[in-house]
Amino acid sequence: MSGPLLVDRTDGVVTVTMNRPDSLNSLDVALKVALRDTFLELATDPGCRAVVLAGAGRAFCVGQDLREHLAALATKAPLDTVSEHYNPMVAALAALPVPVVAAVRGAAAGAGAGLAFLADFRIGGPSTSYLMAFARVGLAADSAVSWTLPRLIGHAKATELLLLAEPVKSEQAHHLGLLTRLLDSDDEVLPAAQKLAARLAAGPTVAYAQIKRELFEGATGTLADALAVELAAQTVAGGTTDHREATNAFVEKRTPRFEGR
């Protein structure tokens, strides 16, 4: 297997694997560009009904490649990567209209944790850990962590994790809500993530997209804003073949067959 990013397609599930295992899938420019472009492509791919985000080897992703970053510090604008790579990469991942499942095997640090936090589900195992490593290298948070982390665990706990920069092991991560499921074996993480993604891919994906939209926009708006978004979302979902099929299936006492339209 070659290339910084691997993409596998199976029955509507697209598994996107960060493939720099020798550097614990640290994010160099090539990997950031590949992630950004892949997420943008998947957003308009009718064959993509769910995404699994994973890391090759023994880590999920340890964040910025600091060796590459050290070389960039000699330039006038070493952190241009935030505007050029991180922000568009994160925005593209957050905007995906299909369910995203992160298979968080091993360490997820810095921007690697940020990628996991943007997923709709996070599956982990005994070796899973998170580290808000930004302050350890004298940096502020990026990769949307300042937005996602307080929404997942609350402002006070997010402040603690970001300022103290102490590792969060798997059981604590599960307790805090940073893992949707904690499995007994690391070897189960990717298969479980793909199984969950397959279940979601077989579901009403238009409705899923609208639910994601409601949650995303409702996180910062007023009640009136939420009601307006819900009206718009229900208008879209209510006009789908999937809605009519599910309603007929309920009346006929059978399992619905969703097509994502």
Protein backbone atom coordinates (compact mmCIF):
# COMPACT_ATOMS: atom_id res chain seq x y z
CA MET A 1 0.00 0.00 0.00
CA SER A 2 1.37 3.39 -0.94
CA GLY A 3 0.36 7.02 -0.69
CA PRO A 4 -0.44 9.07 2.41
CA LEU A 5 -4.16 8.27 2.22
CA LEU A 6 -5.95 5.05 1.32
CA VAL A 7 -9.56 5.00 0.14
CA ASP A 8 -11.60 1.79 0.08
CA ARG A 9 -15.22 1.48 -1.07
CA THR A 10 -17.51 -1.36 0.00
CA ASP A 11 -21.29 -1.28 -0.41
CA GLY A 12 -21.69 2.44 0.14
CA VAL A 13 -19.14 2.63 2.97
CA VAL A 14 -15.98 4.58 2.15
CA THR A 15 -13.07 3.81 4.49
CA VAL A 16 -10.50 6.62 4.50
CA THR A 17 -7.24 5.52 6.12
CA MET A 18 -4.39 7.86 7.01
CA ASN A 19 -1.36 5.93 5.84
CA ARG A 20 1.82 7.20 7.49
CA PRO A 21 2.23 4.48 10.13
CA ASP A 22 5.96 5.06 10.61
CA SER A 23 5.20 8.58 11.88
CA LEU A 24 2.01 7.54 13.71
CA ASN A 25 0.01 9.13 10.88
CA SER A 26 1.28 12.60 11.65
CA LEU A 27 -0.13 15.25 9.36
CA ASP A 28 2.33 16.49 6.78
CA VAL A 29 1.24 18.69 3.87
CA ALA A 30 0.66 15.75 1.53
CA LEU A 31 -1.68 14.01 3.98
CA LYS A 32 -3.55 17.21 4.82
CA VAL A 33 -4.12 17.98 1.15
CA ALA A 34 -5.23 14.40 0.48
CA LEU A 35 -7.72 14.50 3.38
CA ARG A 36 -9.08 17.89 2.32
CA ASP A 37 -9.55 16.88 -1.30
CA THR A 38 -11.02 13.48 -0.45
CA PHE A 39 -13.61 14.94 1.92
CA LEU A 40 -14.62 17.49 -0.73
CA GLU A 41 -15.00 14.73 -3.32
CA LEU A 42 -17.04 12.49 -1.02
CA ALA A 43 -19.48 15.31 -0.27
CA THR A 44 -20.84 15.06 -3.83
CA ASP A 45 -20.30 11.34 -4.41
CA PRO A 46 -23.71 9.60 -4.73
CA GLY A 47 -22.08 6.25 -4.03
CA CYS A 48 -20.84 7.36 -0.62
CA ARG A 49 -23.47 6.65 2.05
CA ALA A 50 -21.19 6.52 5.12
CA VAL A 51 -17.52 7.22 5.90
CA VAL A 52 -15.07 5.46 8.21
CA LEU A 53 -11.98 7.47 9.17
CA ALA A 54 -9.05 5.36 10.39
CA GLY A 55 -5.29 5.34 10.84
CA ALA A 56 -2.86 2.69 9.65
CA GLY A 57 -0.65 0.95 12.19
CA ARG A 58 -0.73 1.50 15.94
CA ALA A 59 -2.05 5.07 16.08
CA PHE A 60 -5.04 6.97 14.77
CA CYS A 61 -3.22 10.28 14.17
CA VAL A 62 -0.83 12.22 16.41
CA GLY A 63 -1.46 15.59 14.78
CA GLN A 64 0.96 17.90 12.99
CA ASP A 65 4.19 16.43 11.66
CA LEU A 66 6.55 18.41 13.90
CA ARG A 67 9.64 17.58 11.84
CA GLU A 68 8.06 19.26 8.84
CA HIS A 69 6.81 22.07 11.06
CA LEU A 70 10.29 22.70 12.47
CA ALA A 71 11.56 23.33 8.95
CA ALA A 72 8.61 25.66 8.30
CA LEU A 73 9.49 27.75 11.37
CA ALA A 74 12.37 29.20 9.37
CA THR A 75 9.86 30.83 7.01
CA LYS A 76 7.97 34.08 7.54
CA ALA A 77 4.58 32.40 7.88
CA PRO A 78 5.06 28.92 9.35
CA LEU A 79 1.42 28.63 10.42
CA ASP A 80 -0.11 29.38 7.03
CA THR A 81 -1.00 25.69 7.10
CA VAL A 82 -3.95 26.56 9.36
CA SER A 83 -5.63 28.64 6.67
CA GLU A 84 -4.35 26.62 3.71
CA HIS A 85 -4.87 23.09 5.03
CA TYR A 86 -6.39 22.63 8.48
CA ASN A 87 -9.37 24.96 8.16
CA PRO A 88 -10.53 23.75 4.73
CA MET A 89 -9.85 20.12 5.69
CA VAL A 90 -11.89 20.41 8.87
CA ALA A 91 -14.68 22.36 7.18
CA ALA A 92 -14.95 19.70 4.48
CA LEU A 93 -15.14 16.89 7.05
CA ALA A 94 -17.73 18.73 9.14
CA ALA A 95 -19.86 19.39 6.06
CA LEU A 96 -20.05 15.77 4.89
CA PRO A 97 -23.77 14.99 4.47
CA VAL A 98 -23.33 11.33 5.43
CA PRO A 99 -22.58 9.69 8.80
CA VAL A 100 -18.89 9.60 9.75
CA VAL A 101 -17.46 6.94 12.08
CA ALA A 102 -13.94 7.37 13.46
CA ALA A 103 -12.06 4.14 14.22
CA VAL A 104 -9.82 5.59 16.95
CA ARG A 105 -7.26 2.86 17.48
CA GLY A 106 -4.27 4.07 19.48
CA ALA A 107 -3.29 7.69 20.03
CA ALA A 108 -5.25 10.67 18.72
CA ALA A 109 -3.39 13.86 19.58
CA GLY A 110 -3.72 17.50 18.60
CA ALA A 111 -5.29 17.84 15.18
CA GLY A 112 -5.67 14.05 15.09
CA ALA A 113 -8.02 14.30 18.03
CA GLY A 114 -9.72 17.20 16.25
CA LEU A 115 -10.50 14.94 13.30
CA ALA A 116 -11.98 12.30 15.61
CA PHE A 117 -14.13 14.87 17.43
CA LEU A 118 -15.71 15.93 14.13
CA ALA A 119 -16.96 12.40 13.49
CA ASP A 120 -20.53 11.49 14.39
CA PHE A 121 -19.37 8.32 16.17
CA ARG A 122 -16.02 7.33 17.70
CA ILE A 123 -15.11 3.68 18.29
CA GLY A 124 -12.11 2.89 20.50
CA GLY A 125 -10.21 0.09 22.20
CA PRO A 126 -7.84 -0.38 25.15
CA SER A 127 -4.99 1.54 23.49
CA THR A 128 -7.13 4.53 22.52
CA SER A 129 -6.01 7.81 24.06
CA TYR A 130 -6.49 11.50 23.41
CA LEU A 131 -4.02 14.29 24.04
CA MET A 132 -4.74 17.98 23.58
CA ALA A 133 -1.07 18.52 22.75
CA PHE A 134 -1.25 22.12 21.49
CA ALA A 135 -0.07 23.87 24.66
CA ARG A 136 2.82 21.41 25.00
CA VAL A 137 4.39 23.02 21.94
CA GLY A 138 3.35 26.56 22.79
CA LEU A 139 0.39 26.74 20.44
CA ALA A 140 -3.32 27.45 20.71
CA ALA A 141 -5.90 24.90 19.58
CA ASP A 142 -6.85 24.44 15.93
CA SER A 143 -8.68 21.86 13.79
CA ALA A 144 -11.99 23.03 15.33
CA VAL A 145 -11.12 21.64 18.77
CA SER A 146 -12.16 24.92 20.42
CA TRP A 147 -15.61 24.35 18.90
CA THR A 148 -16.08 20.59 19.16
CA LEU A 149 -14.53 19.81 22.53
CA PRO A 150 -16.70 22.11 24.73
CA ARG A 151 -19.78 20.78 22.94
CA LEU A 152 -18.77 17.19 23.64
CA ILE A 153 -17.64 17.50 27.27
CA GLY A 154 -18.46 21.01 28.50
CA HIS A 155 -16.47 24.22 28.84
CA ALA A 156 -14.78 23.46 32.17
CA LYS A 157 -13.50 20.02 31.18
CA ALA A 158 -12.40 21.28 27.78
CA THR A 159 -10.39 24.02 29.49
CA GLU A 160 -8.74 21.43 31.72
CA LEU A 161 -7.77 19.15 28.85
CA LEU A 162 -6.46 21.99 26.68
CA LEU A 163 -4.48 23.88 29.32
CA LEU A 164 -3.07 20.93 31.27
CA ALA A 165 -2.49 18.83 28.13
CA GLU A 166 -2.64 15.53 30.01
CA PRO A 167 -3.47 12.25 28.25
CA VAL A 168 -7.03 10.93 28.38
CA LYS A 169 -7.00 7.13 28.44
CA SER A 170 -9.69 5.00 26.87
CA GLU A 171 -11.94 4.44 29.89
CA GLN A 172 -11.96 8.12 30.82
CA ALA A 173 -12.57 9.05 27.19
CA HIS A 174 -15.59 6.74 27.13
CA HIS A 175 -16.88 8.16 30.40
CA LEU A 176 -16.53 11.73 29.11
CA GLY A 177 -18.31 10.95 25.86
CA LEU A 178 -15.23 11.17 23.63
CA LEU A 179 -15.82 7.55 22.63
CA THR A 180 -19.21 6.28 21.51
CA ARG A 181 -18.17 2.69 22.13
CA LEU A 182 -15.19 1.21 23.94
CA LEU A 183 -14.31 -2.32 22.85
CA ASP A 184 -12.29 -4.97 24.64
CA SER A 185 -9.76 -5.43 21.85
CA ASP A 186 -7.94 -3.00 19.57
CA ASP A 187 -8.34 -5.49 16.74
CA GLU A 188 -12.12 -5.04 16.94
CA VAL A 189 -12.05 -1.28 16.44
CA LEU A 190 -11.93 -1.00 12.65
CA PRO A 191 -14.32 -3.91 11.96
CA ALA A 192 -16.80 -2.48 14.49
CA ALA A 193 -16.56 0.96 12.93
CA GLN A 194 -17.16 -0.48 9.48
CA LYS A 195 -20.08 -2.55 10.73
CA LEU A 196 -21.69 0.54 12.24
CA ALA A 197 -21.04 2.49 9.05
CA ALA A 198 -22.64 -0.30 6.99
CA ARG A 199 -25.73 -0.14 9.18
CA LEU A 200 -25.92 3.63 8.67
CA ALA A 201 -25.26 3.32 4.93
CA ALA A 202 -28.34 1.10 4.66
CA GLY A 203 -30.47 3.75 6.37
CA PRO A 204 -32.28 6.96 5.30
CA THR A 205 -29.18 8.95 4.44
CA VAL A 206 -31.06 12.06 3.32
CA ALA A 207 -32.70 12.20 6.73
CA TYR A 208 -29.32 11.64 8.39
CA ALA A 209 -27.90 14.60 6.46
CA GLN A 210 -30.75 16.81 7.63
CA ILE A 211 -30.36 15.68 11.25
CA LYS A 212 -26.66 16.54 11.06
CA ARG A 213 -27.61 19.94 9.66
CA GLU A 214 -30.09 20.51 12.51
CA LEU A 215 -27.53 19.65 15.17
CA PHE A 216 -24.78 21.71 13.55
CA GLU A 217 -26.87 24.84 13.08
CA GLY A 218 -28.82 24.41 16.32
CA ALA A 219 -25.64 24.36 18.39
CA THR A 220 -25.19 28.11 18.18
CA GLY A 221 -28.62 29.48 17.32
CA THR A 222 -31.76 30.52 19.16
CA LEU A 223 -34.96 28.51 19.58
CA ALA A 224 -36.45 30.41 16.66
CA ASP A 225 -33.39 29.53 14.55
CA ALA A 226 -33.74 25.86 15.47
CA LEU A 227 -37.42 25.80 14.56
CA ALA A 228 -36.64 27.39 11.19
CA VAL A 229 -33.92 24.83 10.49
CA GLU A 230 -36.21 21.98 11.53
CA LEU A 231 -38.92 23.21 9.18
CA ALA A 232 -36.48 23.35 6.29
CA ALA A 233 -35.01 19.96 7.17
CA GLN A 234 -38.40 18.27 7.46
CA THR A 235 -39.43 19.75 4.12
CA VAL A 236 -36.44 18.07 2.49
CA ALA A 237 -36.78 14.75 4.34
CA GLY A 238 -40.55 14.63 3.96
CA GLY A 239 -40.27 14.80 0.20
CA THR A 240 -38.00 11.77 -0.12
CA THR A 241 -38.77 8.34 -1.48
CA ASP A 242 -37.27 6.97 1.74
CA HIS A 243 -39.94 8.70 3.85
CA ARG A 244 -42.76 7.32 1.73
CA GLU A 245 -41.19 3.86 1.73
CA ALA A 246 -40.75 3.85 5.53
CA THR A 247 -44.31 5.04 6.09
CA ASN A 248 -45.70 2.34 3.80
CA ALA A 249 -43.47 -0.26 5.48
CA PHE A 250 -44.78 0.73 8.91
CA VAL A 251 -48.40 0.36 7.80
CA GLU A 252 -47.62 -2.92 6.04
CA LYS A 253 -45.61 -4.21 9.03
CA ARG A 254 -42.41 -4.88 7.09
CA THR A 255 -38.83 -3.63 7.12
CA PRO A 256 -38.29 -0.54 4.95
CA ARG A 257 -35.80 -0.55 2.08
CA PHE A 258 -33.96 2.76 2.03
CA GLU A 259 -32.31 4.09 -1.12
CA GLY A 260 -30.97 7.44 0.04
CA ARG A 261 -33.30 9.55 -2.09
